[in-house]
Amino acid sequence: MRTIARVALEKKWQGLIREQQRSDLSVSAFCRQHDFSDQSFYNWRKRLSEDCKDEPVRFALVETSPSGAGRPAPLELILANGDRLRIAPGADAATLRTVLNVLRESRGHR
């Protein structure tokens, strides 16, 4: 059973993890800026991702608009464990399928 203090601590770390993901900072730089260790960040990120690993995959509707520079923008996927997968414009579909299959297989072997 989770206590109120535990739930509050989880919410705090969920917010910090989201904030780091939205920032352009590395995990190390973000942790230095917020005065806690990288290890604490990684431990909480793993713990919170394990708590929700049974949740179904969610998708978001994405609207496209012309990019300002006339170039296609890269695609960034944020995985359940907090890792980011950046896909450059023009990436080969076969390579992308291979990467996604490896990610699916590794998720099943945890």
PDB file of N, CA and C in Angstrom:
ATOM      1  N   MET A   1       0.839  -1.184   0.000  1.00  0.00           N
ATOM      2  CA  MET A   1       0.000   0.000   0.000  1.00  0.00           C
ATOM      3  C   MET A   1       0.886   1.251   0.000  1.00  0.00           C
ATOM      4  N   ARG A   2       0.574   2.178  -0.870  1.00  0.00           N
ATOM      5  CA  ARG A   2       1.383   3.385  -0.974  1.00  0.00           C
ATOM      6  C   ARG A   2       0.847   4.449  -0.030  1.00  0.00           C
ATOM      7  N   THR A   3       1.754   5.086   0.673  1.00  0.00           N
ATOM      8  CA  THR A   3       1.364   6.150   1.592  1.00  0.00           C
ATOM      9  C   THR A   3       1.222   7.463   0.815  1.00  0.00           C
ATOM     10  N   ILE A   4       0.636   8.448   1.472  1.00  0.00           N
ATOM     11  CA  ILE A   4       0.483   9.765   0.847  1.00  0.00           C
ATOM     12  C   ILE A   4       1.846  10.358   0.534  1.00  0.00           C
ATOM     13  N   ALA A   5       2.795  10.174   1.454  1.00  0.00           N
ATOM     14  CA  ALA A   5       4.150  10.697   1.227  1.00  0.00           C
ATOM     15  C   ALA A   5       4.792  10.018   0.022  1.00  0.00           C
ATOM     16  N   ARG A   6       4.582   8.728  -0.113  1.00  0.00           N
ATOM     17  CA  ARG A   6       5.159   7.974  -1.233  1.00  0.00           C
ATOM     18  C   ARG A   6       4.556   8.447  -2.555  1.00  0.00           C
ATOM     19  N   VAL A   7       3.247   8.642  -2.574  1.00  0.00           N
ATOM     20  CA  VAL A   7       2.576   9.118  -3.786  1.00  0.00           C
ATOM     21  C   VAL A   7       3.092  10.509  -4.153  1.00  0.00           C
ATOM     22  N   ALA A   8       3.273  11.372  -3.170  1.00  0.00           N
ATOM     23  CA  ALA A   8       3.783  12.722  -3.421  1.00  0.00           C
ATOM     24  C   ALA A   8       5.197  12.661  -3.995  1.00  0.00           C
ATOM     25  N   LEU A   9       6.026  11.778  -3.453  1.00  0.00           N
ATOM     26  CA  LEU A   9       7.395  11.630  -3.937  1.00  0.00           C
ATOM     27  C   LEU A   9       7.404  11.109  -5.380  1.00  0.00           C
ATOM     28  N   GLU A  10       6.537  10.152  -5.674  1.00  0.00           N
ATOM     29  CA  GLU A  10       6.434   9.639  -7.042  1.00  0.00           C
ATOM     30  C   GLU A  10       6.007  10.739  -8.012  1.00  0.00           C
ATOM     31  N   LYS A  11       5.035  11.544  -7.609  1.00  0.00           N
ATOM     32  CA  LYS A  11       4.575  12.643  -8.469  1.00  0.00           C
ATOM     33  C   LYS A  11       5.687  13.659  -8.704  1.00  0.00           C
ATOM     34  N   LYS A  12       6.468  13.935  -7.654  1.00  0.00           N
ATOM     35  CA  LYS A  12       7.591  14.866  -7.794  1.00  0.00           C
ATOM     36  C   LYS A  12       8.571  14.353  -8.845  1.00  0.00           C
ATOM     37  N   TRP A  13       8.930  13.071  -8.745  1.00  0.00           N
ATOM     38  CA  TRP A  13       9.897  12.501  -9.683  1.00  0.00           C
ATOM     39  C   TRP A  13       9.312  12.369 -11.085  1.00  0.00           C
ATOM     40  N   GLN A  14       8.024  12.064 -11.193  1.00  0.00           N
ATOM     41  CA  GLN A  14       7.400  12.019 -12.518  1.00  0.00           C
ATOM     42  C   GLN A  14       7.524  13.386 -13.189  1.00  0.00           C
ATOM     43  N   GLY A  15       7.284  14.441 -12.408  1.00  0.00           N
ATOM     44  CA  GLY A  15       7.402  15.799 -12.939  1.00  0.00           C
ATOM     45  C   GLY A  15       8.823  16.123 -13.351  1.00  0.00           C
ATOM     46  N   LEU A  16       9.804  15.726 -12.526  1.00  0.00           N
ATOM     47  CA  LEU A  16      11.207  15.983 -12.856  1.00  0.00           C
ATOM     48  C   LEU A  16      11.624  15.223 -14.113  1.00  0.00           C
ATOM     49  N   ILE A  17      11.173  13.992 -14.240  1.00  0.00           N
ATOM     50  CA  ILE A  17      11.513  13.190 -15.413  1.00  0.00           C
ATOM     51  C   ILE A  17      10.920  13.816 -16.670  1.00  0.00           C
ATOM     52  N   ARG A  18       9.668  14.239 -16.594  1.00  0.00           N
ATOM     53  CA  ARG A  18       9.036  14.912 -17.743  1.00  0.00           C
ATOM     54  C   ARG A  18       9.773  16.201 -18.084  1.00  0.00           C
ATOM     55  N   GLU A  19      10.146  16.957 -17.052  1.00  0.00           N
ATOM     56  CA  GLU A  19      10.848  18.223 -17.269  1.00  0.00           C
ATOM     57  C   GLU A  19      12.180  17.979 -17.980  1.00  0.00           C
ATOM     58  N   GLN A  20      12.913  16.955 -17.564  1.00  0.00           N
ATOM     59  CA  GLN A  20      14.197  16.644 -18.210  1.00  0.00           C
ATOM     60  C   GLN A  20      13.981  16.240 -19.656  1.00  0.00           C
ATOM     61  N   GLN A  21      12.952  15.430 -19.922  1.00  0.00           N
ATOM     62  CA  GLN A  21      12.679  14.981 -21.283  1.00  0.00           C
ATOM     63  C   GLN A  21      12.349  16.148 -22.200  1.00  0.00           C
ATOM     64  N   ARG A  22      11.681  17.147 -21.679  1.00  0.00           N
ATOM     65  CA  ARG A  22      11.298  18.309 -22.496  1.00  0.00           C
ATOM     66  C   ARG A  22      12.447  19.293 -22.675  1.00  0.00           C
ATOM     67  N   SER A  23      13.431  19.205 -21.789  1.00  0.00           N
ATOM     68  CA  SER A  23      14.554  20.138 -21.866  1.00  0.00           C
ATOM     69  C   SER A  23      15.553  19.663 -22.907  1.00  0.00           C
ATOM     70  N   ASP A  24      16.466  20.528 -23.238  1.00  0.00           N
ATOM     71  CA  ASP A  24      17.550  20.145 -24.148  1.00  0.00           C
ATOM     72  C   ASP A  24      18.769  19.685 -23.358  1.00  0.00           C
ATOM     73  N   LEU A  25      18.615  19.509 -22.051  1.00  0.00           N
ATOM     74  CA  LEU A  25      19.740  19.143 -21.194  1.00  0.00           C
ATOM     75  C   LEU A  25      19.935  17.638 -21.143  1.00  0.00           C
ATOM     76  N   SER A  26      21.189  17.230 -21.019  1.00  0.00           N
ATOM     77  CA  SER A  26      21.470  15.820 -20.753  1.00  0.00           C
ATOM     78  C   SER A  26      20.996  15.518 -19.337  1.00  0.00           C
ATOM     79  N   VAL A  27      20.888  14.232 -19.017  1.00  0.00           N
ATOM     80  CA  VAL A  27      20.488  13.847 -17.666  1.00  0.00           C
ATOM     81  C   VAL A  27      21.487  14.406 -16.653  1.00  0.00           C
ATOM     82  N   SER A  28      22.778  14.300 -16.948  1.00  0.00           N
ATOM     83  CA  SER A  28      23.798  14.792 -16.012  1.00  0.00           C
ATOM     84  C   SER A  28      23.661  16.293 -15.757  1.00  0.00           C
ATOM     85  N   ALA A  29      23.497  17.061 -16.824  1.00  0.00           N
ATOM     86  CA  ALA A  29      23.365  18.514 -16.667  1.00  0.00           C
ATOM     87  C   ALA A  29      22.086  18.864 -15.901  1.00  0.00           C
ATOM     88  N   PHE A  30      21.008  18.188 -16.215  1.00  0.00           N
ATOM     89  CA  PHE A  30      19.739  18.431 -15.528  1.00  0.00           C
ATOM     90  C   PHE A  30      19.872  18.135 -14.033  1.00  0.00           C
ATOM     91  N   CYS A  31      20.512  17.012 -13.711  1.00  0.00           N
ATOM     92  CA  CYS A  31      20.675  16.633 -12.306  1.00  0.00           C
ATOM     93  C   CYS A  31      21.556  17.627 -11.558  1.00  0.00           C
ATOM     94  N   ARG A  32      22.626  18.073 -12.208  1.00  0.00           N
ATOM     95  CA  ARG A  32      23.485  19.096 -11.573  1.00  0.00           C
ATOM     96  C   ARG A  32      22.686  20.372 -11.308  1.00  0.00           C
ATOM     97  N   GLN A  33      21.878  20.752 -12.281  1.00  0.00           N
ATOM     98  CA  GLN A  33      21.079  21.970 -12.158  1.00  0.00           C
ATOM     99  C   GLN A  33      20.073  21.869 -11.010  1.00  0.00           C
ATOM    100  N   HIS A  34      19.561  20.659 -10.753  1.00  0.00           N
ATOM    101  CA  HIS A  34      18.558  20.459  -9.709  1.00  0.00           C
ATOM    102  C   HIS A  34      19.136  19.872  -8.433  1.00  0.00           C
ATOM    103  N   ASP A  35      20.453  19.713  -8.410  1.00  0.00           N
ATOM    104  CA  ASP A  35      21.178  19.312  -7.203  1.00  0.00           C
ATOM    105  C   ASP A  35      20.783  17.927  -6.677  1.00  0.00           C
ATOM    106  N   PHE A  36      20.737  16.941  -7.579  1.00  0.00           N
ATOM    107  CA  PHE A  36      20.617  15.553  -7.152  1.00  0.00           C
ATOM    108  C   PHE A  36      21.464  14.697  -8.090  1.00  0.00           C
ATOM    109  N   SER A  37      21.722  13.472  -7.690  1.00  0.00           N
ATOM    110  CA  SER A  37      22.645  12.622  -8.443  1.00  0.00           C
ATOM    111  C   SER A  37      21.978  12.006  -9.667  1.00  0.00           C
ATOM    112  N   ASP A  38      22.818  11.714 -10.662  1.00  0.00           N
ATOM    113  CA  ASP A  38      22.340  11.008 -11.847  1.00  0.00           C
ATOM    114  C   ASP A  38      21.715   9.677 -11.440  1.00  0.00           C
ATOM    115  N   GLN A  39      22.362   9.008 -10.495  1.00  0.00           N
ATOM    116  CA  GLN A  39      21.891   7.689 -10.068  1.00  0.00           C
ATOM    117  C   GLN A  39      20.472   7.761  -9.493  1.00  0.00           C
ATOM    118  N   SER A  40      20.179   8.802  -8.709  1.00  0.00           N
ATOM    119  CA  SER A  40      18.819   8.970  -8.183  1.00  0.00           C
ATOM    120  C   SER A  40      17.819   9.121  -9.331  1.00  0.00           C
ATOM    121  N   PHE A  41      18.195   9.927 -10.319  1.00  0.00           N
ATOM    122  CA  PHE A  41      17.320  10.143 -11.466  1.00  0.00           C
ATOM    123  C   PHE A  41      17.045   8.823 -12.187  1.00  0.00           C
ATOM    124  N   TYR A  42      18.122   8.089 -12.502  1.00  0.00           N
ATOM    125  CA  TYR A  42      17.957   6.825 -13.228  1.00  0.00           C
ATOM    126  C   TYR A  42      17.175   5.799 -12.413  1.00  0.00           C
ATOM    127  N   ASN A  43      17.416   5.753 -11.107  1.00  0.00           N
ATOM    128  CA  ASN A  43      16.675   4.820 -10.248  1.00  0.00           C
ATOM    129  C   ASN A  43      15.178   5.119 -10.268  1.00  0.00           C
ATOM    130  N   TRP A  44      14.828   6.399 -10.122  1.00  0.00           N
ATOM    131  CA  TRP A  44      13.412   6.763 -10.124  1.00  0.00           C
ATOM    132  C   TRP A  44      12.790   6.537 -11.492  1.00  0.00           C
ATOM    133  N   ARG A  45      13.520   6.874 -12.549  1.00  0.00           N
ATOM    134  CA  ARG A  45      12.982   6.674 -13.895  1.00  0.00           C
ATOM    135  C   ARG A  45      12.695   5.197 -14.138  1.00  0.00           C
ATOM    136  N   LYS A  46      13.603   4.331 -13.717  1.00  0.00           N
ATOM    137  CA  LYS A  46      13.391   2.889 -13.875  1.00  0.00           C
ATOM    138  C   LYS A  46      12.223   2.414 -13.015  1.00  0.00           C
ATOM    139  N   ARG A  47      12.204   2.851 -11.760  1.00  0.00           N
ATOM    140  CA  ARG A  47      11.142   2.422 -10.846  1.00  0.00           C
ATOM    141  C   ARG A  47       9.767   2.838 -11.380  1.00  0.00           C
ATOM    142  N   LEU A  48       9.659   4.071 -11.830  1.00  0.00           N
ATOM    143  CA  LEU A  48       8.369   4.554 -12.320  1.00  0.00           C
ATOM    144  C   LEU A  48       7.984   3.896 -13.642  1.00  0.00           C
ATOM    145  N   SER A  49       8.962   3.578 -14.487  1.00  0.00           N
ATOM    146  CA  SER A  49       8.620   2.905 -15.746  1.00  0.00           C
ATOM    147  C   SER A  49       8.198   1.466 -15.484  1.00  0.00           C
ATOM    148  N   GLU A  50       8.772   0.830 -14.467  1.00  0.00           N
ATOM    149  CA  GLU A  50       8.364  -0.535 -14.111  1.00  0.00           C
ATOM    150  C   GLU A  50       6.953  -0.552 -13.536  1.00  0.00           C
ATOM    151  N   ASP A  51       6.598   0.510 -12.822  1.00  0.00           N
ATOM    152  CA  ASP A  51       5.248   0.594 -12.255  1.00  0.00           C
ATOM    153  C   ASP A  51       4.182   0.654 -13.344  1.00  0.00           C
ATOM    154  N   CYS A  52       4.537   1.180 -14.517  1.00  0.00           N
ATOM    155  CA  CYS A  52       3.524   1.331 -15.572  1.00  0.00           C
ATOM    156  C   CYS A  52       3.793   0.448 -16.775  1.00  0.00           C
ATOM    157  N   LYS A  53       4.646  -0.575 -16.629  1.00  0.00           N
ATOM    158  CA  LYS A  53       4.987  -1.389 -17.800  1.00  0.00           C
ATOM    159  C   LYS A  53       3.810  -2.203 -18.315  1.00  0.00           C
ATOM    160  N   ASP A  54       2.802  -2.424 -17.490  1.00  0.00           N
ATOM    161  CA  ASP A  54       1.646  -3.188 -17.937  1.00  0.00           C
ATOM    162  C   ASP A  54       0.589  -2.314 -18.605  1.00  0.00           C
ATOM    163  N   GLU A  55       0.828  -1.003 -18.624  1.00  0.00           N
ATOM    164  CA  GLU A  55      -0.117  -0.111 -19.281  1.00  0.00           C
ATOM    165  C   GLU A  55      -0.034  -0.302 -20.792  1.00  0.00           C
ATOM    166  N   PRO A  56      -1.152  -0.149 -21.485  1.00  0.00           N
ATOM    167  CA  PRO A  56      -1.111  -0.283 -22.936  1.00  0.00           C
ATOM    168  C   PRO A  56      -0.326   0.869 -23.560  1.00  0.00           C
ATOM    169  N   VAL A  57       0.182   0.635 -24.750  1.00  0.00           N
ATOM    170  CA  VAL A  57       0.888   1.683 -25.478  1.00  0.00           C
ATOM    171  C   VAL A  57      -0.133   2.729 -25.894  1.00  0.00           C
ATOM    172  N   ARG A  58       0.229   3.993 -25.722  1.00  0.00           N
ATOM    173  CA  ARG A  58      -0.670   5.075 -26.098  1.00  0.00           C
ATOM    174  C   ARG A  58      -0.073   5.818 -27.282  1.00  0.00           C
ATOM    175  N   PHE A  59      -0.930   6.265 -28.147  1.00  0.00           N
ATOM    176  CA  PHE A  59      -0.498   7.030 -29.300  1.00  0.00           C
ATOM    177  C   PHE A  59      -1.137   8.406 -29.240  1.00  0.00           C
ATOM    178  N   ALA A  60      -0.477   9.355 -29.842  1.00  0.00           N
ATOM    179  CA  ALA A  60      -1.000  10.710 -29.882  1.00  0.00           C
ATOM    180  C   ALA A  60      -1.255  11.099 -31.335  1.00  0.00           C
ATOM    181  N   LEU A  61      -2.305  11.850 -31.550  1.00  0.00           N
ATOM    182  CA  LEU A  61      -2.579  12.381 -32.869  1.00  0.00           C
ATOM    183  C   LEU A  61      -1.561  13.475 -33.154  1.00  0.00           C
ATOM    184  N   VAL A  62      -0.942  13.404 -34.289  1.00  0.00           N
ATOM    185  CA  VAL A  62       0.080  14.384 -34.652  1.00  0.00           C
ATOM    186  C   VAL A  62      -0.403  15.143 -35.869  1.00  0.00           C
ATOM    187  N   GLU A  63      -0.383  16.451 -35.741  1.00  0.00           N
ATOM    188  CA  GLU A  63      -0.738  17.288 -36.880  1.00  0.00           C
ATOM    189  C   GLU A  63       0.542  17.818 -37.478  1.00  0.00           C
ATOM    190  N   THR A  64       0.596  17.850 -38.790  1.00  0.00           N
ATOM    191  CA  THR A  64       1.791  18.365 -39.449  1.00  0.00           C
ATOM    192  C   THR A  64       1.525  19.765 -39.964  1.00  0.00           C
ATOM    193  N   SER A  65       2.585  20.524 -40.018  1.00  0.00           N
ATOM    194  CA  SER A  65       2.511  21.851 -40.603  1.00  0.00           C
ATOM    195  C   SER A  65       3.845  22.105 -41.280  1.00  0.00           C
ATOM    196  N   PRO A  66       3.877  22.984 -42.230  1.00  0.00           N
ATOM    197  CA  PRO A  66       5.147  23.245 -42.912  1.00  0.00           C
ATOM    198  C   PRO A  66       6.189  23.744 -41.913  1.00  0.00           C
ATOM    199  N   SER A  67       7.390  23.187 -42.017  1.00  0.00           N
ATOM    200  CA  SER A  67       8.450  23.653 -41.113  1.00  0.00           C
ATOM    201  C   SER A  67       8.940  25.004 -41.594  1.00  0.00           C
ATOM    202  N   GLY A  68       9.462  25.779 -40.655  1.00  0.00           N
ATOM    203  CA  GLY A  68       9.891  27.136 -40.951  1.00  0.00           C
ATOM    204  C   GLY A  68      10.979  27.218 -41.999  1.00  0.00           C
ATOM    205  N   ALA A  69      11.890  26.261 -42.030  1.00  0.00           N
ATOM    206  CA  ALA A  69      13.026  26.330 -42.944  1.00  0.00           C
ATOM    207  C   ALA A  69      12.764  25.577 -44.242  1.00  0.00           C
ATOM    208  N   GLY A  70      11.571  24.997 -44.405  1.00  0.00           N
ATOM    209  CA  GLY A  70      11.284  24.259 -45.616  1.00  0.00           C
ATOM    210  C   GLY A  70      11.883  22.869 -45.626  1.00  0.00           C
ATOM    211  N   ARG A  71      12.474  22.452 -44.506  1.00  0.00           N
ATOM    212  CA  ARG A  71      13.051  21.104 -44.397  1.00  0.00           C
ATOM    213  C   ARG A  71      12.133  20.255 -43.545  1.00  0.00           C
ATOM    214  N   PRO A  72      12.080  18.948 -43.828  1.00  0.00           N
ATOM    215  CA  PRO A  72      11.296  18.079 -42.949  1.00  0.00           C
ATOM    216  C   PRO A  72      11.953  18.003 -41.568  1.00  0.00           C
ATOM    217  N   ALA A  73      11.139  17.972 -40.553  1.00  0.00           N
ATOM    218  CA  ALA A  73      11.651  17.910 -39.180  1.00  0.00           C
ATOM    219  C   ALA A  73      11.920  16.455 -38.797  1.00  0.00           C
ATOM    220  N   PRO A  74      12.900  16.222 -37.919  1.00  0.00           N
ATOM    221  CA  PRO A  74      13.128  14.846 -37.451  1.00  0.00           C
ATOM    222  C   PRO A  74      11.970  14.394 -36.572  1.00  0.00           C
ATOM    223  N   LEU A  75      11.837  13.089 -36.431  1.00  0.00           N
ATOM    224  CA  LEU A  75      10.816  12.487 -35.588  1.00  0.00           C
ATOM    225  C   LEU A  75      11.490  12.027 -34.308  1.00  0.00           C
ATOM    226  N   GLU A  76      10.886  12.295 -33.180  1.00  0.00           N
ATOM    227  CA  GLU A  76      11.439  11.856 -31.901  1.00  0.00           C
ATOM    228  C   GLU A  76      10.387  11.045 -31.165  1.00  0.00           C
ATOM    229  N   LEU A  77      10.755   9.809 -30.809  1.00  0.00           N
ATOM    230  CA  LEU A  77       9.890   8.945 -30.016  1.00  0.00           C
ATOM    231  C   LEU A  77      10.438   8.896 -28.611  1.00  0.00           C
ATOM    232  N   ILE A  78       9.591   9.086 -27.629  1.00  0.00           N
ATOM    233  CA  ILE A  78      10.000   8.938 -26.235  1.00  0.00           C
ATOM    234  C   ILE A  78       9.439   7.609 -25.761  1.00  0.00           C
ATOM    235  N   LEU A  79      10.352   6.708 -25.443  1.00  0.00           N
ATOM    236  CA  LEU A  79       9.974   5.353 -25.061  1.00  0.00           C
ATOM    237  C   LEU A  79       9.504   5.308 -23.620  1.00  0.00           C
ATOM    238  N   ALA A  80       8.830   4.233 -23.247  1.00  0.00           N
ATOM    239  CA  ALA A  80       8.263   4.097 -21.908  1.00  0.00           C
ATOM    240  C   ALA A  80       9.312   4.229 -20.818  1.00  0.00           C
ATOM    241  N   ASN A  81      10.542   3.820 -21.094  1.00  0.00           N
ATOM    242  CA  ASN A  81      11.592   3.910 -20.078  1.00  0.00           C
ATOM    243  C   ASN A  81      12.235   5.292 -20.034  1.00  0.00           C
ATOM    244  N   GLY A  82      11.757   6.219 -20.865  1.00  0.00           N
ATOM    245  CA  GLY A  82      12.291   7.574 -20.865  1.00  0.00           C
ATOM    246  C   GLY A  82      13.352   7.810 -21.921  1.00  0.00           C
ATOM    247  N   ASP A  83      13.859   6.756 -22.544  1.00  0.00           N
ATOM    248  CA  ASP A  83      14.837   6.925 -23.608  1.00  0.00           C
ATOM    249  C   ASP A  83      14.185   7.591 -24.805  1.00  0.00           C
ATOM    250  N   ARG A  84      15.002   8.322 -25.561  1.00  0.00           N
ATOM    251  CA  ARG A  84      14.500   8.991 -26.758  1.00  0.00           C
ATOM    252  C   ARG A  84      15.110   8.341 -27.991  1.00  0.00           C
ATOM    253  N   LEU A  85      14.294   8.173 -29.007  1.00  0.00           N
ATOM    254  CA  LEU A  85      14.741   7.644 -30.282  1.00  0.00           C
ATOM    255  C   LEU A  85      14.491   8.734 -31.309  1.00  0.00           C
ATOM    256  N   ARG A  86      15.573   9.294 -31.851  1.00  0.00           N
ATOM    257  CA  ARG A  86      15.444  10.360 -32.846  1.00  0.00           C
ATOM    258  C   ARG A  86      15.666   9.765 -34.232  1.00  0.00           C
ATOM    259  N   ILE A  87      14.735  10.050 -35.118  1.00  0.00           N
ATOM    260  CA  ILE A  87      14.753   9.497 -36.460  1.00  0.00           C
ATOM    261  C   ILE A  87      14.888  10.658 -37.438  1.00  0.00           C
ATOM    262  N   ALA A  88      15.962  10.630 -38.190  1.00  0.00           N
ATOM    263  CA  ALA A  88      16.237  11.707 -39.136  1.00  0.00           C
ATOM    264  C   ALA A  88      15.276  11.617 -40.320  1.00  0.00           C
ATOM    265  N   PRO A  89      14.972  12.767 -40.921  1.00  0.00           N
ATOM    266  CA  PRO A  89      14.140  12.748 -42.124  1.00  0.00           C
ATOM    267  C   PRO A  89      14.810  11.874 -43.187  1.00  0.00           C
ATOM    268  N   GLY A  90      14.013  11.092 -43.889  1.00  0.00           N
ATOM    269  CA  GLY A  90      14.545  10.251 -44.945  1.00  0.00           C
ATOM    270  C   GLY A  90      15.124   8.935 -44.453  1.00  0.00           C
ATOM    271  N   ALA A  91      14.893   8.597 -43.178  1.00  0.00           N
ATOM    272  CA  ALA A  91      15.415   7.335 -42.655  1.00  0.00           C
ATOM    273  C   ALA A  91      14.807   6.173 -43.431  1.00  0.00           C
ATOM    274  N   ASP A  92      15.615   5.170 -43.664  1.00  0.00           N
ATOM    275  CA  ASP A  92      15.194   3.992 -44.405  1.00  0.00           C
ATOM    276  C   ASP A  92      14.138   3.223 -43.620  1.00  0.00           C
ATOM    277  N   ALA A  93      13.012   2.904 -44.253  1.00  0.00           N
ATOM    278  CA  ALA A  93      11.903   2.223 -43.579  1.00  0.00           C
ATOM    279  C   ALA A  93      12.311   0.847 -43.073  1.00  0.00           C
ATOM    280  N   ALA A  94      13.109   0.121 -43.830  1.00  0.00           N
ATOM    281  CA  ALA A  94      13.536  -1.215 -43.400  1.00  0.00           C
ATOM    282  C   ALA A  94      14.388  -1.132 -42.139  1.00  0.00           C
ATOM    283  N   THR A  95      15.266  -0.161 -42.071  1.00  0.00           N
ATOM    284  CA  THR A  95      16.097   0.022 -40.883  1.00  0.00           C
ATOM    285  C   THR A  95      15.235   0.387 -39.685  1.00  0.00           C
ATOM    286  N   LEU A  96      14.275   1.273 -39.889  1.00  0.00           N
ATOM    287  CA  LEU A  96      13.375   1.665 -38.811  1.00  0.00           C
ATOM    288  C   LEU A  96      12.571   0.464 -38.308  1.00  0.00           C
ATOM    289  N   ARG A  97      12.077  -0.382 -39.211  1.00  0.00           N
ATOM    290  CA  ARG A  97      11.363  -1.598 -38.804  1.00  0.00           C
ATOM    291  C   ARG A  97      12.256  -2.497 -37.965  1.00  0.00           C
ATOM    292  N   THR A  98      13.519  -2.644 -38.367  1.00  0.00           N
ATOM    293  CA  THR A  98      14.466  -3.480 -37.618  1.00  0.00           C
ATOM    294  C   THR A  98      14.672  -2.930 -36.214  1.00  0.00           C
ATOM    295  N   VAL A  99      14.857  -1.625 -36.094  1.00  0.00           N
ATOM    296  CA  VAL A  99      15.058  -0.997 -34.781  1.00  0.00           C
ATOM    297  C   VAL A  99      13.831  -1.216 -33.902  1.00  0.00           C
ATOM    298  N   LEU A 100      12.641  -1.001 -34.448  1.00  0.00           N
ATOM    299  CA  LEU A 100      11.422  -1.173 -33.663  1.00  0.00           C
ATOM    300  C   LEU A 100      11.230  -2.627 -33.241  1.00  0.00           C
ATOM    301  N   ASN A 101      11.571  -3.576 -34.116  1.00  0.00           N
ATOM    302  CA  ASN A 101      11.469  -4.993 -33.752  1.00  0.00           C
ATOM    303  C   ASN A 101      12.428  -5.343 -32.623  1.00  0.00           C
ATOM    304  N   VAL A 102      13.638  -4.804 -32.668  1.00  0.00           N
ATOM    305  CA  VAL A 102      14.609  -5.056 -31.594  1.00  0.00           C
ATOM    306  C   VAL A 102      14.095  -4.478 -30.281  1.00  0.00           C
ATOM    307  N   LEU A 103      13.525  -3.290 -30.326  1.00  0.00           N
ATOM    308  CA  LEU A 103      12.966  -2.679 -29.112  1.00  0.00           C
ATOM    309  C   LEU A 103      11.817  -3.520 -28.558  1.00  0.00           C
ATOM    310  N   ARG A 104      10.963  -4.020 -29.411  1.00  0.00           N
ATOM    311  CA  ARG A 104       9.850  -4.873 -28.964  1.00  0.00           C
ATOM    312  C   ARG A 104      10.375  -6.150 -28.330  1.00  0.00           C
ATOM    313  N   GLU A 105      11.375  -6.768 -28.960  1.00  0.00           N
ATOM    314  CA  GLU A 105      11.938  -8.012 -28.426  1.00  0.00           C
ATOM    315  C   GLU A 105      12.604  -7.775 -27.084  1.00  0.00           C
ATOM    316  N   SER A 106      13.346  -6.681 -26.957  1.00  0.00           N
ATOM    317  CA  SER A 106      14.043  -6.414 -25.686  1.00  0.00           C
ATOM    318  C   SER A 106      13.048  -6.120 -24.575  1.00  0.00           C
ATOM    319  N   ARG A 107      11.907  -5.559 -24.900  1.00  0.00           N
ATOM    320  CA  ARG A 107      10.882  -5.270 -23.896  1.00  0.00           C
ATOM    321  C   ARG A 107      10.303  -6.580 -23.351  1.00  0.00           C
ATOM    322  N   GLY A 108      10.169  -7.578 -24.196  1.00  0.00           N
ATOM    323  CA  GLY A 108       9.636  -8.860 -23.779  1.00  0.00           C
ATOM    324  C   GLY A 108      10.609  -9.690 -22.970  1.00  0.00           C
ATOM    325  N   HIS A 109      11.899  -9.339 -22.968  1.00  0.00           N
ATOM    326  CA  HIS A 109      12.919 -10.114 -22.271  1.00  0.00           C
ATOM    327  C   HIS A 109      13.322  -9.509 -20.940  1.00  0.00           C
ATOM    328  N   ARG A 110      12.568  -8.560 -20.425  1.00  0.00           N
ATOM    329  CA  ARG A 110      12.931  -7.912 -19.150  1.00  0.00           C
ATOM    330  C   ARG A 110      12.710  -8.831 -17.997  1.00  0.00           C
TER     331      ARG A 110
END
